Amino acid sequence: MYLYLGYLLVQFYPLIVKLFETNISASSILFSVIVVFIWSLIPFIGFGLAKLLNANGKASKHFLFIFGFGIGLIENGLYFFDLLAKNQSYIGTFIIFCLFFITAFITLNKTELSTH
């Protein structure tokens, strides 16, 4: 869940900026928010698929949030730096799907230092 929230935070930024720049109705705003929620779930399915395939990665909620935020920035960077064109959104979605899939296998544990 924290992974998705980090990703969603990055996805909401352009939406909020666009909503403040334009004068649109409340129903359009609501529709836009719902579309962002649904559209951002599609790549997140990669994480769920990996967990169904018994991915045993363990990370804290803070790391998952940071991973989600980072994955969102990577997606935005693909378009910002013109590595992908806007009409290649299916490729971007597939790349992010794969990153979410890989994230399910990452294990980050804190190790305690022993003082002898």
N, C-alpha and C. Protein backbone atom coordinates (compact mmCIF):
# COMPACT_ATOMS: atom_id res chain seq x y z
N MET A 1 0.82 -1.19 0.00
CA MET A 1 0.00 0.00 0.00
C MET A 1 0.87 1.26 0.00
N TYR A 2 1.94 1.23 0.78
CA TYR A 2 2.82 2.41 0.83
C TYR A 2 3.53 2.62 -0.49
N LEU A 3 3.84 1.54 -1.18
CA LEU A 3 4.45 1.64 -2.50
C LEU A 3 3.52 2.39 -3.44
N TYR A 4 2.26 2.02 -3.42
CA TYR A 4 1.26 2.67 -4.27
C TYR A 4 1.07 4.13 -3.88
N LEU A 5 1.07 4.43 -2.59
CA LEU A 5 0.88 5.81 -2.15
C LEU A 5 2.02 6.71 -2.59
N GLY A 6 3.24 6.21 -2.54
CA GLY A 6 4.38 6.98 -3.02
C GLY A 6 4.27 7.26 -4.51
N TYR A 7 3.88 6.25 -5.26
CA TYR A 7 3.69 6.41 -6.70
C TYR A 7 2.55 7.37 -7.00
N LEU A 8 1.48 7.24 -6.25
CA LEU A 8 0.30 8.08 -6.46
C LEU A 8 0.60 9.55 -6.16
N LEU A 9 1.45 9.80 -5.18
CA LEU A 9 1.83 11.17 -4.85
C LEU A 9 2.47 11.86 -6.04
N VAL A 10 3.35 11.16 -6.73
CA VAL A 10 3.99 11.72 -7.92
C VAL A 10 2.98 11.91 -9.04
N GLN A 11 2.03 10.99 -9.18
CA GLN A 11 1.04 11.08 -10.24
C GLN A 11 0.05 12.22 -10.02
N PHE A 12 -0.20 12.54 -8.76
CA PHE A 12 -1.15 13.60 -8.46
C PHE A 12 -0.58 15.00 -8.69
N TYR A 13 0.71 15.15 -8.63
CA TYR A 13 1.30 16.49 -8.78
C TYR A 13 0.90 17.16 -10.10
N PRO A 14 1.10 16.51 -11.27
CA PRO A 14 0.69 17.18 -12.51
C PRO A 14 -0.82 17.45 -12.57
N LEU A 15 -1.61 16.56 -11.98
CA LEU A 15 -3.05 16.76 -11.97
C LEU A 15 -3.42 18.01 -11.17
N ILE A 16 -2.85 18.15 -10.00
CA ILE A 16 -3.15 19.30 -9.15
C ILE A 16 -2.70 20.59 -9.83
N VAL A 17 -1.53 20.57 -10.44
CA VAL A 17 -1.05 21.77 -11.15
C VAL A 17 -2.01 22.13 -12.27
N LYS A 18 -2.43 21.15 -13.04
CA LYS A 18 -3.35 21.41 -14.17
C LYS A 18 -4.71 21.91 -13.68
N LEU A 19 -5.19 21.36 -12.57
CA LEU A 19 -6.49 21.78 -12.05
C LEU A 19 -6.48 23.22 -11.56
N PHE A 20 -5.35 23.66 -11.01
CA PHE A 20 -5.26 25.04 -10.55
C PHE A 20 -5.05 26.02 -11.70
N GLU A 21 -4.54 25.54 -12.82
CA GLU A 21 -4.31 26.40 -13.97
C GLU A 21 -5.58 26.63 -14.78
N THR A 22 -6.50 25.69 -14.73
CA THR A 22 -7.70 25.79 -15.55
C THR A 22 -8.93 25.98 -14.67
N ASN A 23 -9.97 26.47 -15.27
CA ASN A 23 -11.23 26.67 -14.58
C ASN A 23 -12.21 25.63 -15.11
N ILE A 24 -12.35 24.51 -14.38
CA ILE A 24 -13.24 23.44 -14.82
C ILE A 24 -14.23 23.13 -13.72
N SER A 25 -15.26 22.41 -14.09
CA SER A 25 -16.33 22.10 -13.15
C SER A 25 -15.90 21.07 -12.12
N ALA A 26 -16.65 20.99 -11.04
CA ALA A 26 -16.36 20.04 -9.96
C ALA A 26 -16.48 18.60 -10.44
N SER A 27 -17.42 18.33 -11.33
CA SER A 27 -17.57 16.96 -11.83
C SER A 27 -16.36 16.57 -12.69
N SER A 28 -15.79 17.50 -13.42
CA SER A 28 -14.59 17.22 -14.20
C SER A 28 -13.40 16.95 -13.29
N ILE A 29 -13.32 17.68 -12.20
CA ILE A 29 -12.23 17.47 -11.23
C ILE A 29 -12.36 16.08 -10.63
N LEU A 30 -13.57 15.71 -10.22
CA LEU A 30 -13.81 14.40 -9.63
C LEU A 30 -13.48 13.29 -10.63
N PHE A 31 -13.90 13.45 -11.87
CA PHE A 31 -13.60 12.48 -12.90
C PHE A 31 -12.10 12.34 -13.10
N SER A 32 -11.38 13.46 -13.12
CA SER A 32 -9.93 13.43 -13.30
C SER A 32 -9.24 12.69 -12.16
N VAL A 33 -9.67 12.93 -10.94
CA VAL A 33 -9.09 12.26 -9.78
C VAL A 33 -9.34 10.75 -9.86
N ILE A 34 -10.54 10.36 -10.23
CA ILE A 34 -10.87 8.93 -10.35
C ILE A 34 -10.02 8.27 -11.43
N VAL A 35 -9.85 8.96 -12.56
CA VAL A 35 -9.05 8.41 -13.65
C VAL A 35 -7.60 8.23 -13.21
N VAL A 36 -7.05 9.19 -12.46
CA VAL A 36 -5.66 9.06 -11.99
C VAL A 36 -5.54 7.87 -11.04
N PHE A 37 -6.51 7.69 -10.14
CA PHE A 37 -6.49 6.53 -9.24
C PHE A 37 -6.47 5.22 -10.03
N ILE A 38 -7.36 5.11 -10.99
CA ILE A 38 -7.48 3.87 -11.76
C ILE A 38 -6.26 3.66 -12.65
N TRP A 39 -5.83 4.70 -13.33
CA TRP A 39 -4.71 4.57 -14.26
C TRP A 39 -3.42 4.23 -13.52
N SER A 40 -3.25 4.75 -12.30
CA SER A 40 -2.04 4.46 -11.55
C SER A 40 -2.08 3.06 -10.93
N LEU A 41 -3.24 2.43 -10.88
CA LEU A 41 -3.32 1.06 -10.38
C LEU A 41 -2.78 0.05 -11.39
N ILE A 42 -2.83 0.38 -12.65
CA ILE A 42 -2.42 -0.56 -13.70
C ILE A 42 -0.97 -1.01 -13.53
N PRO A 43 0.00 -0.10 -13.38
CA PRO A 43 1.37 -0.58 -13.17
C PRO A 43 1.55 -1.28 -11.82
N PHE A 44 0.76 -0.88 -10.83
CA PHE A 44 0.87 -1.47 -9.50
C PHE A 44 0.46 -2.94 -9.50
N ILE A 45 -0.27 -3.35 -10.51
CA ILE A 45 -0.65 -4.76 -10.64
C ILE A 45 0.60 -5.64 -10.74
N GLY A 46 1.70 -5.07 -11.25
CA GLY A 46 2.96 -5.82 -11.32
C GLY A 46 3.43 -6.26 -9.95
N PHE A 47 3.28 -5.41 -8.94
CA PHE A 47 3.66 -5.77 -7.57
C PHE A 47 2.75 -6.89 -7.06
N GLY A 48 1.46 -6.76 -7.30
CA GLY A 48 0.52 -7.79 -6.87
C GLY A 48 0.77 -9.12 -7.56
N LEU A 49 1.10 -9.07 -8.85
CA LEU A 49 1.41 -10.30 -9.58
C LEU A 49 2.64 -10.98 -9.01
N ALA A 50 3.65 -10.19 -8.68
CA ALA A 50 4.87 -10.77 -8.10
C ALA A 50 4.57 -11.41 -6.75
N LYS A 51 3.72 -10.78 -5.95
CA LYS A 51 3.36 -11.36 -4.66
C LYS A 51 2.56 -12.65 -4.84
N LEU A 52 1.73 -12.71 -5.89
CA LEU A 52 1.01 -13.95 -6.19
C LEU A 52 1.96 -15.06 -6.60
N LEU A 53 3.08 -14.67 -7.20
CA LEU A 53 4.08 -15.65 -7.61
C LEU A 53 5.09 -15.91 -6.49
N ASN A 54 4.68 -15.62 -5.27
CA ASN A 54 5.47 -15.88 -4.06
C ASN A 54 6.77 -15.08 -3.97
N ALA A 55 6.73 -13.82 -4.37
CA ALA A 55 7.87 -12.94 -4.15
C ALA A 55 8.01 -12.74 -2.66
N ASN A 56 9.20 -12.96 -2.15
CA ASN A 56 9.38 -12.91 -0.71
C ASN A 56 10.15 -11.69 -0.24
N GLY A 57 10.11 -10.62 -1.01
CA GLY A 57 10.79 -9.39 -0.62
C GLY A 57 10.14 -8.76 0.59
N LYS A 58 10.96 -8.21 1.44
CA LYS A 58 10.47 -7.54 2.64
C LYS A 58 11.16 -6.19 2.75
N ALA A 59 10.37 -5.17 2.91
CA ALA A 59 10.92 -3.82 3.11
C ALA A 59 9.96 -3.07 4.03
N SER A 60 10.49 -2.11 4.73
CA SER A 60 9.64 -1.33 5.63
C SER A 60 8.72 -0.43 4.84
N LYS A 61 7.72 0.07 5.52
CA LYS A 61 6.75 0.95 4.85
C LYS A 61 7.40 2.22 4.35
N HIS A 62 8.43 2.69 5.03
CA HIS A 62 9.12 3.91 4.60
C HIS A 62 9.89 3.66 3.30
N PHE A 63 10.58 2.52 3.22
CA PHE A 63 11.29 2.20 2.00
C PHE A 63 10.33 1.98 0.84
N LEU A 64 9.22 1.32 1.09
CA LEU A 64 8.23 1.11 0.03
C LEU A 64 7.68 2.44 -0.47
N PHE A 65 7.40 3.37 0.44
CA PHE A 65 6.92 4.69 0.03
C PHE A 65 7.96 5.39 -0.83
N ILE A 66 9.23 5.32 -0.41
CA ILE A 66 10.31 5.95 -1.18
C ILE A 66 10.47 5.27 -2.54
N PHE A 67 10.39 3.94 -2.59
CA PHE A 67 10.46 3.22 -3.86
C PHE A 67 9.33 3.67 -4.79
N GLY A 68 8.11 3.75 -4.27
CA GLY A 68 6.97 4.18 -5.07
C GLY A 68 7.16 5.59 -5.60
N PHE A 69 7.66 6.47 -4.74
CA PHE A 69 7.93 7.85 -5.15
C PHE A 69 9.00 7.87 -6.24
N GLY A 70 10.05 7.07 -6.04
CA GLY A 70 11.13 7.01 -7.03
C GLY A 70 10.67 6.44 -8.36
N ILE A 71 9.84 5.42 -8.32
CA ILE A 71 9.32 4.83 -9.55
C ILE A 71 8.46 5.86 -10.29
N GLY A 72 7.67 6.62 -9.56
CA GLY A 72 6.88 7.68 -10.18
C GLY A 72 7.76 8.73 -10.84
N LEU A 73 8.86 9.09 -10.17
CA LEU A 73 9.79 10.05 -10.76
C LEU A 73 10.46 9.48 -12.00
N ILE A 74 10.78 8.19 -11.98
CA ILE A 74 11.37 7.56 -13.16
C ILE A 74 10.40 7.62 -14.33
N GLU A 75 9.13 7.34 -14.06
CA GLU A 75 8.14 7.40 -15.13
C GLU A 75 8.04 8.80 -15.71
N ASN A 76 7.96 9.80 -14.84
CA ASN A 76 7.89 11.17 -15.33
C ASN A 76 9.16 11.57 -16.07
N GLY A 77 10.31 11.06 -15.62
CA GLY A 77 11.57 11.35 -16.28
C GLY A 77 11.65 10.77 -17.68
N LEU A 78 11.03 9.62 -17.90
CA LEU A 78 11.03 9.03 -19.23
C LEU A 78 10.41 9.96 -20.26
N TYR A 79 9.38 10.68 -19.86
CA TYR A 79 8.70 11.60 -20.78
C TYR A 79 9.36 12.98 -20.76
N PHE A 80 9.83 13.42 -19.60
CA PHE A 80 10.44 14.75 -19.49
C PHE A 80 11.72 14.84 -20.31
N PHE A 81 12.53 13.79 -20.27
CA PHE A 81 13.79 13.78 -21.01
C PHE A 81 13.64 13.20 -22.40
N ASP A 82 12.41 13.05 -22.87
CA ASP A 82 12.09 12.59 -24.22
C ASP A 82 12.66 11.21 -24.55
N LEU A 83 12.78 10.36 -23.53
CA LEU A 83 13.16 8.98 -23.80
C LEU A 83 11.97 8.22 -24.39
N LEU A 84 10.77 8.66 -24.03
CA LEU A 84 9.53 8.13 -24.60
C LEU A 84 8.67 9.31 -25.04
N ALA A 85 7.96 9.10 -26.15
CA ALA A 85 7.01 10.10 -26.61
C ALA A 85 5.67 9.87 -25.93
N LYS A 86 4.83 10.88 -25.93
CA LYS A 86 3.52 10.75 -25.27
C LYS A 86 2.68 9.64 -25.89
N ASN A 87 2.85 9.36 -27.18
CA ASN A 87 2.06 8.29 -27.80
C ASN A 87 2.64 6.90 -27.50
N GLN A 88 3.71 6.82 -26.72
CA GLN A 88 4.29 5.54 -26.32
C GLN A 88 3.98 5.24 -24.85
N SER A 89 2.82 5.65 -24.40
CA SER A 89 2.48 5.48 -22.99
C SER A 89 2.39 4.01 -22.59
N TYR A 90 2.04 3.14 -23.53
CA TYR A 90 1.97 1.71 -23.20
C TYR A 90 3.35 1.16 -22.86
N ILE A 91 4.40 1.68 -23.49
CA ILE A 91 5.76 1.25 -23.17
C ILE A 91 6.14 1.74 -21.78
N GLY A 92 5.80 2.99 -21.48
CA GLY A 92 6.08 3.54 -20.15
C GLY A 92 5.35 2.77 -19.07
N THR A 93 4.10 2.42 -19.33
CA THR A 93 3.32 1.65 -18.36
C THR A 93 3.94 0.27 -18.15
N PHE A 94 4.43 -0.35 -19.22
CA PHE A 94 5.07 -1.67 -19.11
C PHE A 94 6.36 -1.58 -18.31
N ILE A 95 7.15 -0.52 -18.53
CA ILE A 95 8.40 -0.34 -17.79
C ILE A 95 8.11 -0.19 -16.30
N ILE A 96 7.12 0.62 -15.97
CA ILE A 96 6.77 0.84 -14.57
C ILE A 96 6.18 -0.43 -13.96
N PHE A 97 5.40 -1.15 -14.73
CA PHE A 97 4.88 -2.46 -14.30
C PHE A 97 6.04 -3.37 -13.90
N CYS A 98 7.07 -3.42 -14.74
CA CYS A 98 8.24 -4.26 -14.45
C CYS A 98 8.99 -3.78 -13.21
N LEU A 99 9.09 -2.47 -13.03
CA LEU A 99 9.76 -1.95 -11.83
C LEU A 99 8.99 -2.31 -10.56
N PHE A 100 7.67 -2.23 -10.61
CA PHE A 100 6.87 -2.66 -9.47
C PHE A 100 7.03 -4.16 -9.23
N PHE A 101 7.09 -4.93 -10.30
CA PHE A 101 7.28 -6.37 -10.19
C PHE A 101 8.61 -6.68 -9.50
N ILE A 102 9.68 -6.02 -9.92
CA ILE A 102 11.00 -6.22 -9.33
C ILE A 102 11.04 -5.78 -7.87
N THR A 103 10.32 -4.72 -7.55
CA THR A 103 10.30 -4.21 -6.18
C THR A 103 9.77 -5.26 -5.20
N ALA A 104 8.90 -6.11 -5.64
CA ALA A 104 8.34 -7.14 -4.75
C ALA A 104 9.39 -8.15 -4.31
N PHE A 105 10.51 -8.22 -5.01
CA PHE A 105 11.55 -9.17 -4.67
C PHE A 105 12.67 -8.56 -3.83
N ILE A 106 12.64 -7.25 -3.63
CA ILE A 106 13.69 -6.57 -2.88
C ILE A 106 13.48 -6.77 -1.38
N THR A 107 14.54 -7.14 -0.72
CA THR A 107 14.50 -7.29 0.73
C THR A 107 15.48 -6.31 1.35
N LEU A 108 14.97 -5.49 2.22
CA LEU A 108 15.81 -4.54 2.96
C LEU A 108 15.56 -4.76 4.44
N ASN A 109 16.55 -5.20 5.11
CA ASN A 109 16.44 -5.41 6.56
C ASN A 109 17.46 -4.55 7.27
N LYS A 110 17.06 -4.04 8.41
CA LYS A 110 18.03 -3.32 9.23
C LYS A 110 18.87 -4.37 9.95
N THR A 111 20.14 -4.16 9.92
CA THR A 111 21.02 -5.06 10.65
C THR A 111 21.47 -4.36 11.92
N GLU A 112 21.46 -5.09 12.96
CA GLU A 112 21.87 -4.51 14.24
C GLU A 112 23.37 -4.71 14.41
N LEU A 113 24.02 -3.68 14.87
CA LEU A 113 25.44 -3.77 15.13
C LEU A 113 25.66 -4.35 16.50
N SER A 114 26.45 -5.33 16.55
CA SER A 114 26.74 -5.94 17.84
C SER A 114 28.00 -5.32 18.43
N THR A 115 27.94 -4.98 19.66
CA THR A 115 29.12 -4.43 20.33
C THR A 115 29.67 -5.45 21.29
N HIS A 116 30.80 -6.00 20.95
CA HIS A 116 31.43 -7.03 21.78
C HIS A 116 32.60 -6.45 22.51
